[in-house]
């Protein structure tokens, strides 16, 4: 049985259909629900301990995200992601992240830079503590700081989706947490130093390198 919880993207004031959608989305991306699996309304109610009221809206959202397919007279089936889908996602994210760091360096305010520096300090702290879960959350915040500093809503919305998908489909990359933490910290340090010095060329190079290595790490676990 799955338990509904409030994610980073949904507060306790969020509608139940939204919370249910995010939970099913997570279960598909992490492989808890496998490709080809049938999702009936009753099964969702039983699995997540909810009434039928929010289920149909959650299913509509999942279909819109291309995570399930609704086949007439047969029902809804999990689509999930193939390895190629995931690799394509890394490439798409990389192109946006490189643009984001360029715009962030050009547009970041002093206050935003202070918040960005604080986030990196937390990243150093949790790497030292070898806390993989906290580090992963700080990692997301590090990139979100950059996305916000672009002052461009489309960049923020697009990269927010990619971050979420990659977070859940990337779990096997962390088989060796200590090595992963130290390696990723140094990749982020290069980005941070480029942003702090407002060196656009260095920032683009550091981000591109980080994205390429992230993809390589994922490919090693396919």
C-alpha atoms as a PDB file:
ATOM      1  CA  UNK A   1       0.000   0.000   0.000  1.00  0.00           C
ATOM      2  CA  UNK A   2       1.291   3.458  -0.904  1.00  0.00           C
ATOM      3  CA  UNK A   3       0.837   6.389   1.446  1.00  0.00           C
ATOM      4  CA  UNK A   4       0.097   9.868   0.155  1.00  0.00           C
ATOM      5  CA  UNK A   5       2.594  12.459   1.363  1.00  0.00           C
ATOM      6  CA  UNK A   6       3.110  16.145   0.623  1.00  0.00           C
ATOM      7  CA  UNK A   7       6.058  16.626  -1.720  1.00  0.00           C
ATOM      8  CA  UNK A   8       8.198  19.716  -2.222  1.00  0.00           C
ATOM      9  CA  UNK A   9       5.776  20.785  -4.943  1.00  0.00           C
ATOM     10  CA  UNK A  10       2.541  20.325  -2.997  1.00  0.00           C
ATOM     11  CA  UNK A  11       1.619  21.842   0.350  1.00  0.00           C
ATOM     12  CA  UNK A  12      -1.036  20.649   2.774  1.00  0.00           C
ATOM     13  CA  UNK A  13      -3.405  23.112   1.050  1.00  0.00           C
ATOM     14  CA  UNK A  14      -3.022  21.402  -2.332  1.00  0.00           C
ATOM     15  CA  UNK A  15      -6.060  19.560  -3.744  1.00  0.00           C
ATOM     16  CA  UNK A  16      -6.078  15.821  -3.121  1.00  0.00           C
ATOM     17  CA  UNK A  17      -6.115  15.121  -6.864  1.00  0.00           C
ATOM     18  CA  UNK A  18      -2.823  17.019  -7.203  1.00  0.00           C
ATOM     19  CA  UNK A  19      -1.210  15.144  -4.323  1.00  0.00           C
ATOM     20  CA  UNK A  20      -2.476  11.835  -5.733  1.00  0.00           C
ATOM     21  CA  UNK A  21      -1.153  12.731  -9.194  1.00  0.00           C
ATOM     22  CA  UNK A  22       2.306  13.523  -7.797  1.00  0.00           C
ATOM     23  CA  UNK A  23       2.399  10.272  -5.797  1.00  0.00           C
ATOM     24  CA  UNK A  24       1.412   8.108  -8.770  1.00  0.00           C
ATOM     25  CA  UNK A  25       3.854  10.046 -10.935  1.00  0.00           C
ATOM     26  CA  UNK A  26       6.633   9.273  -8.440  1.00  0.00           C
ATOM     27  CA  UNK A  27       5.677   5.588  -8.321  1.00  0.00           C
ATOM     28  CA  UNK A  28       5.825   5.366 -12.124  1.00  0.00           C
ATOM     29  CA  UNK A  29       9.168   7.154 -12.365  1.00  0.00           C
ATOM     30  CA  UNK A  30      10.772   5.049  -9.619  1.00  0.00           C
ATOM     31  CA  UNK A  31       9.438   1.797 -11.067  1.00  0.00           C
ATOM     32  CA  UNK A  32       6.979   1.033  -8.280  1.00  0.00           C
ATOM     33  CA  UNK A  33       4.379   0.949 -11.036  1.00  0.00           C
ATOM     34  CA  UNK A  34       5.812  -0.734 -14.126  1.00  0.00           C
ATOM     35  CA  UNK A  35       5.163  -0.116 -17.822  1.00  0.00           C
ATOM     36  CA  UNK A  36       2.107  -2.010 -19.038  1.00  0.00           C
ATOM     37  CA  UNK A  37       0.491  -2.158 -15.595  1.00  0.00           C
ATOM     38  CA  UNK A  38      -3.241  -1.466 -15.602  1.00  0.00           C
ATOM     39  CA  UNK A  39      -4.578   1.314 -13.391  1.00  0.00           C
ATOM     40  CA  UNK A  40      -8.272   0.993 -12.616  1.00  0.00           C
ATOM     41  CA  UNK A  41     -10.029   3.567 -10.485  1.00  0.00           C
ATOM     42  CA  UNK A  42     -10.766   0.921  -7.858  1.00  0.00           C
ATOM     43  CA  UNK A  43      -7.171  -0.231  -7.749  1.00  0.00           C
ATOM     44  CA  UNK A  44      -5.957   3.340  -7.243  1.00  0.00           C
ATOM     45  CA  UNK A  45      -8.510   3.854  -4.472  1.00  0.00           C
ATOM     46  CA  UNK A  46      -7.344   0.679  -2.733  1.00  0.00           C
ATOM     47  CA  UNK A  47      -3.630   1.324  -3.215  1.00  0.00           C
ATOM     48  CA  UNK A  48      -3.599   4.960  -2.083  1.00  0.00           C
ATOM     49  CA  UNK A  49      -6.535   4.827   0.318  1.00  0.00           C
ATOM     50  CA  UNK A  50      -8.512   7.604  -1.366  1.00  0.00           C
ATOM     51  CA  UNK A  51     -12.076   8.023  -2.582  1.00  0.00           C
ATOM     52  CA  UNK A  52     -12.960   8.001  -6.295  1.00  0.00           C
ATOM     53  CA  UNK A  53     -13.441  11.783  -6.364  1.00  0.00           C
ATOM     54  CA  UNK A  54      -9.778  12.809  -6.982  1.00  0.00           C
ATOM     55  CA  UNK A  55      -8.846   9.745  -9.062  1.00  0.00           C
ATOM     56  CA  UNK A  56     -10.230  10.805 -12.443  1.00  0.00           C
ATOM     57  CA  UNK A  57      -8.524  14.197 -12.312  1.00  0.00           C
ATOM     58  CA  UNK A  58      -5.233  12.568 -11.302  1.00  0.00           C
ATOM     59  CA  UNK A  59      -5.554  10.150 -14.231  1.00  0.00           C
ATOM     60  CA  UNK A  60      -6.215  13.050 -16.604  1.00  0.00           C
ATOM     61  CA  UNK A  61      -3.042  14.765 -15.397  1.00  0.00           C
ATOM     62  CA  UNK A  62      -1.012  11.568 -15.780  1.00  0.00           C
ATOM     63  CA  UNK A  63      -2.283  11.122 -19.333  1.00  0.00           C
ATOM     64  CA  UNK A  64      -1.411  14.746 -20.115  1.00  0.00           C
ATOM     65  CA  UNK A  65       2.127  14.044 -18.873  1.00  0.00           C
ATOM     66  CA  UNK A  66       2.248  10.944 -21.133  1.00  0.00           C
ATOM     67  CA  UNK A  67       2.847   8.683 -18.143  1.00  0.00           C
ATOM     68  CA  UNK A  68      -0.269   6.604 -18.797  1.00  0.00           C
ATOM     69  CA  UNK A  69      -2.286   5.714 -21.877  1.00  0.00           C
ATOM     70  CA  UNK A  70      -6.064   5.498 -21.835  1.00  0.00           C
ATOM     71  CA  UNK A  71      -7.164   2.784 -24.244  1.00  0.00           C
ATOM     72  CA  UNK A  72     -10.905   2.795 -25.099  1.00  0.00           C
ATOM     73  CA  UNK A  73     -12.793  -0.187 -23.648  1.00  0.00           C
ATOM     74  CA  UNK A  74      -9.619  -1.428 -21.948  1.00  0.00           C
ATOM     75  CA  UNK A  75      -8.652   1.220 -19.410  1.00  0.00           C
ATOM     76  CA  UNK A  76      -5.541   3.149 -18.335  1.00  0.00           C
ATOM     77  CA  UNK A  77      -2.078   1.601 -18.611  1.00  0.00           C
ATOM     78  CA  UNK A  78       1.303   2.789 -17.329  1.00  0.00           C
ATOM     79  CA  UNK A  79       3.683   3.943 -20.069  1.00  0.00           C
ATOM     80  CA  UNK A  80       6.692   4.966 -18.013  1.00  0.00           C
ATOM     81  CA  UNK A  81      10.051   5.815 -19.580  1.00  0.00           C
ATOM     82  CA  UNK A  82      12.431   3.832 -21.750  1.00  0.00           C
ATOM     83  CA  UNK A  83      16.194   4.259 -21.400  1.00  0.00           C
ATOM     84  CA  UNK A  84      16.178   6.334 -24.571  1.00  0.00           C
ATOM     85  CA  UNK A  85      13.459   8.580 -23.129  1.00  0.00           C
ATOM     86  CA  UNK A  86      15.655   9.200 -20.090  1.00  0.00           C
ATOM     87  CA  UNK A  87      18.765   9.965 -22.144  1.00  0.00           C
ATOM     88  CA  UNK A  88      16.770  12.338 -24.333  1.00  0.00           C
ATOM     89  CA  UNK A  89      15.554  14.038 -21.166  1.00  0.00           C
ATOM     90  CA  UNK A  90      19.153  14.591 -20.036  1.00  0.00           C
ATOM     91  CA  UNK A  91      19.992  16.198 -23.390  1.00  0.00           C
ATOM     92  CA  UNK A  92      16.951  18.452 -23.315  1.00  0.00           C
ATOM     93  CA  UNK A  93      17.612  19.474 -19.739  1.00  0.00           C
ATOM     94  CA  UNK A  94      21.267  20.206 -20.545  1.00  0.00           C
ATOM     95  CA  UNK A  95      20.387  22.693 -23.271  1.00  0.00           C
ATOM     96  CA  UNK A  96      18.070  24.597 -20.905  1.00  0.00           C
ATOM     97  CA  UNK A  97      20.480  24.467 -17.943  1.00  0.00           C
ATOM     98  CA  UNK A  98      23.290  25.972 -20.033  1.00  0.00           C
ATOM     99  CA  UNK A  99      20.992  28.786 -21.113  1.00  0.00           C
ATOM    100  CA  UNK A 100      19.808  29.219 -17.526  1.00  0.00           C
ATOM    101  CA  UNK A 101      23.300  29.680 -16.093  1.00  0.00           C
ATOM    102  CA  UNK A 102      24.123  32.191 -18.838  1.00  0.00           C
ATOM    103  CA  UNK A 103      21.023  34.261 -18.112  1.00  0.00           C
ATOM    104  CA  UNK A 104      21.420  33.888 -14.352  1.00  0.00           C
ATOM    105  CA  UNK A 105      24.945  35.295 -14.445  1.00  0.00           C
ATOM    106  CA  UNK A 106      23.709  38.244 -16.505  1.00  0.00           C
ATOM    107  CA  UNK A 107      20.591  38.920 -14.429  1.00  0.00           C
ATOM    108  CA  UNK A 108      21.243  37.717 -10.865  1.00  0.00           C
ATOM    109  CA  UNK A 109      20.756  40.358  -8.170  1.00  0.00           C
ATOM    110  CA  UNK A 110      23.117  40.727  -5.215  1.00  0.00           C
ATOM    111  CA  UNK A 111      20.432  39.326  -2.923  1.00  0.00           C
ATOM    112  CA  UNK A 112      19.969  36.291  -5.174  1.00  0.00           C
ATOM    113  CA  UNK A 113      23.719  35.766  -5.222  1.00  0.00           C
ATOM    114  CA  UNK A 114      23.765  35.756  -1.407  1.00  0.00           C
ATOM    115  CA  UNK A 115      21.047  33.077  -1.342  1.00  0.00           C
ATOM    116  CA  UNK A 116      22.934  31.084  -3.972  1.00  0.00           C
ATOM    117  CA  UNK A 117      26.121  31.225  -1.908  1.00  0.00           C
ATOM    118  CA  UNK A 118      24.246  30.052   1.180  1.00  0.00           C
ATOM    119  CA  UNK A 119      22.810  27.113  -0.781  1.00  0.00           C
ATOM    120  CA  UNK A 120      26.292  26.074  -1.887  1.00  0.00           C
ATOM    121  CA  UNK A 121      27.516  26.243   1.719  1.00  0.00           C
ATOM    122  CA  UNK A 122      24.727  23.835   2.677  1.00  0.00           C
ATOM    123  CA  UNK A 123      25.852  21.597  -0.173  1.00  0.00           C
ATOM    124  CA  UNK A 124      29.374  21.526   1.281  1.00  0.00           C
ATOM    125  CA  UNK A 125      28.019  20.829   4.758  1.00  0.00           C
ATOM    126  CA  UNK A 126      25.829  17.873   3.772  1.00  0.00           C
ATOM    127  CA  UNK A 127      28.591  16.445   1.605  1.00  0.00           C
ATOM    128  CA  UNK A 128      30.868  16.498   4.636  1.00  0.00           C
ATOM    129  CA  UNK A 129      28.084  14.813   6.675  1.00  0.00           C
ATOM    130  CA  UNK A 130      27.662  12.234   3.850  1.00  0.00           C
ATOM    131  CA  UNK A 131      23.896  12.829   3.926  1.00  0.00           C
ATOM    132  CA  UNK A 132      22.801  11.760   0.449  1.00  0.00           C
ATOM    133  CA  UNK A 133      19.112  12.626   0.849  1.00  0.00           C
ATOM    134  CA  UNK A 134      19.758  16.141   2.142  1.00  0.00           C
ATOM    135  CA  UNK A 135      22.398  16.652  -0.522  1.00  0.00           C
ATOM    136  CA  UNK A 136      19.965  15.667  -3.289  1.00  0.00           C
ATOM    137  CA  UNK A 137      17.432  18.212  -2.035  1.00  0.00           C
ATOM    138  CA  UNK A 138      20.090  20.935  -1.764  1.00  0.00           C
ATOM    139  CA  UNK A 139      21.254  20.001  -5.261  1.00  0.00           C
ATOM    140  CA  UNK A 140      17.747  20.721  -6.555  1.00  0.00           C
ATOM    141  CA  UNK A 141      17.689  24.028  -4.682  1.00  0.00           C
ATOM    142  CA  UNK A 142      21.090  24.973  -6.128  1.00  0.00           C
ATOM    143  CA  UNK A 143      19.715  24.663  -9.643  1.00  0.00           C
ATOM    144  CA  UNK A 144      16.424  26.314  -8.703  1.00  0.00           C
ATOM    145  CA  UNK A 145      18.366  29.338  -7.440  1.00  0.00           C
ATOM    146  CA  UNK A 146      19.870  29.645 -10.907  1.00  0.00           C
ATOM    147  CA  UNK A 147      16.533  29.116 -12.640  1.00  0.00           C
ATOM    148  CA  UNK A 148      14.899  31.809 -10.488  1.00  0.00           C
ATOM    149  CA  UNK A 149      17.758  34.224 -11.186  1.00  0.00           C
ATOM    150  CA  UNK A 150      17.032  34.061 -14.919  1.00  0.00           C
ATOM    151  CA  UNK A 151      13.784  35.930 -14.182  1.00  0.00           C
ATOM    152  CA  UNK A 152      12.188  33.855 -16.914  1.00  0.00           C
ATOM    153  CA  UNK A 153       9.069  31.848 -16.047  1.00  0.00           C
ATOM    154  CA  UNK A 154       9.325  29.446 -18.978  1.00  0.00           C
ATOM    155  CA  UNK A 155      12.853  28.393 -18.003  1.00  0.00           C
ATOM    156  CA  UNK A 156      11.741  27.898 -14.405  1.00  0.00           C
ATOM    157  CA  UNK A 157       8.681  25.814 -15.313  1.00  0.00           C
ATOM    158  CA  UNK A 158      10.460  23.678 -17.897  1.00  0.00           C
ATOM    159  CA  UNK A 159      13.469  22.878 -15.743  1.00  0.00           C
ATOM    160  CA  UNK A 160      11.312  22.200 -12.696  1.00  0.00           C
ATOM    161  CA  UNK A 161       9.666  19.332 -14.602  1.00  0.00           C
ATOM    162  CA  UNK A 162      12.972  17.940 -15.857  1.00  0.00           C
ATOM    163  CA  UNK A 163      14.476  18.072 -12.358  1.00  0.00           C
ATOM    164  CA  UNK A 164      11.597  16.130 -10.881  1.00  0.00           C
ATOM    165  CA  UNK A 165      11.663  13.440 -13.567  1.00  0.00           C
ATOM    166  CA  UNK A 166      15.413  12.968 -13.384  1.00  0.00           C
ATOM    167  CA  UNK A 167      15.371  12.905  -9.573  1.00  0.00           C
ATOM    168  CA  UNK A 168      13.047   9.898  -9.507  1.00  0.00           C
ATOM    169  CA  UNK A 169      14.464   8.008 -12.499  1.00  0.00           C
ATOM    170  CA  UNK A 170      18.049   8.486 -11.332  1.00  0.00           C
ATOM    171  CA  UNK A 171      18.037   6.622  -8.007  1.00  0.00           C
ATOM    172  CA  UNK A 172      20.436   3.835  -9.056  1.00  0.00           C
ATOM    173  CA  UNK A 173      23.141   6.421  -9.742  1.00  0.00           C
ATOM    174  CA  UNK A 174      23.710   6.718  -5.993  1.00  0.00           C
ATOM    175  CA  UNK A 175      25.034   3.177  -5.367  1.00  0.00           C
ATOM    176  CA  UNK A 176      28.278   4.685  -4.027  1.00  0.00           C
ATOM    177  CA  UNK A 177      27.029   7.764  -2.138  1.00  0.00           C
ATOM    178  CA  UNK A 178      30.383   8.950  -0.774  1.00  0.00           C
ATOM    179  CA  UNK A 179      32.070   8.995  -4.181  1.00  0.00           C
ATOM    180  CA  UNK A 180      28.987  10.522  -5.788  1.00  0.00           C
ATOM    181  CA  UNK A 181      28.769  13.315  -3.203  1.00  0.00           C
ATOM    182  CA  UNK A 182      32.382  14.431  -3.477  1.00  0.00           C
ATOM    183  CA  UNK A 183      32.361  14.294  -7.283  1.00  0.00           C
ATOM    184  CA  UNK A 184      29.131  16.235  -7.668  1.00  0.00           C
ATOM    185  CA  UNK A 185      30.199  18.825  -5.093  1.00  0.00           C
ATOM    186  CA  UNK A 186      33.253  19.693  -7.170  1.00  0.00           C
ATOM    187  CA  UNK A 187      31.156  19.967 -10.326  1.00  0.00           C
ATOM    188  CA  UNK A 188      28.840  22.381  -8.543  1.00  0.00           C
ATOM    189  CA  UNK A 189      31.789  24.262  -7.071  1.00  0.00           C
ATOM    190  CA  UNK A 190      32.949  25.143 -10.607  1.00  0.00           C
ATOM    191  CA  UNK A 191      29.464  26.432 -11.436  1.00  0.00           C
ATOM    192  CA  UNK A 192      29.250  28.369  -8.180  1.00  0.00           C
ATOM    193  CA  UNK A 193      32.638  30.048  -8.619  1.00  0.00           C
ATOM    194  CA  UNK A 194      31.767  31.045 -12.177  1.00  0.00           C
ATOM    195  CA  UNK A 195      28.470  32.574 -11.077  1.00  0.00           C
ATOM    196  CA  UNK A 196      30.054  34.354  -8.107  1.00  0.00           C
ATOM    197  CA  UNK A 197      32.711  35.892 -10.353  1.00  0.00           C
ATOM    198  CA  UNK A 198      30.018  36.561 -12.990  1.00  0.00           C
ATOM    199  CA  UNK A 199      32.093  34.770 -15.603  1.00  0.00           C
ATOM    200  CA  UNK A 200      29.573  33.731 -18.257  1.00  0.00           C
ATOM    201  CA  UNK A 201      32.005  31.728 -20.379  1.00  0.00           C
ATOM    202  CA  UNK A 202      33.248  29.728 -17.397  1.00  0.00           C
ATOM    203  CA  UNK A 203      29.681  29.221 -16.150  1.00  0.00           C
ATOM    204  CA  UNK A 204      28.532  27.798 -19.472  1.00  0.00           C
ATOM    205  CA  UNK A 205      31.561  25.486 -19.612  1.00  0.00           C
ATOM    206  CA  UNK A 206      31.069  24.291 -16.017  1.00  0.00           C
ATOM    207  CA  UNK A 207      27.351  23.651 -16.490  1.00  0.00           C
ATOM    208  CA  UNK A 208      27.857  21.837 -19.776  1.00  0.00           C
ATOM    209  CA  UNK A 209      30.505  19.623 -18.144  1.00  0.00           C
ATOM    210  CA  UNK A 210      28.205  18.878 -15.186  1.00  0.00           C
ATOM    211  CA  UNK A 211      25.329  17.937 -17.475  1.00  0.00           C
ATOM    212  CA  UNK A 212      27.533  15.656 -19.605  1.00  0.00           C
ATOM    213  CA  UNK A 213      28.902  13.878 -16.536  1.00  0.00           C
ATOM    214  CA  UNK A 214      25.411  13.518 -15.060  1.00  0.00           C
ATOM    215  CA  UNK A 215      24.323  11.777 -18.239  1.00  0.00           C
ATOM    216  CA  UNK A 216      27.411   9.541 -18.200  1.00  0.00           C
ATOM    217  CA  UNK A 217      26.676   8.501 -14.610  1.00  0.00           C
ATOM    218  CA  UNK A 218      23.142   7.595 -15.589  1.00  0.00           C
ATOM    219  CA  UNK A 219      24.303   5.587 -18.611  1.00  0.00           C
ATOM    220  CA  UNK A 220      26.596   3.523 -16.387  1.00  0.00           C
ATOM    221  CA  UNK A 221      23.530   2.281 -14.484  1.00  0.00           C
ATOM    222  CA  UNK A 222      21.338   1.378 -17.445  1.00  0.00           C
END
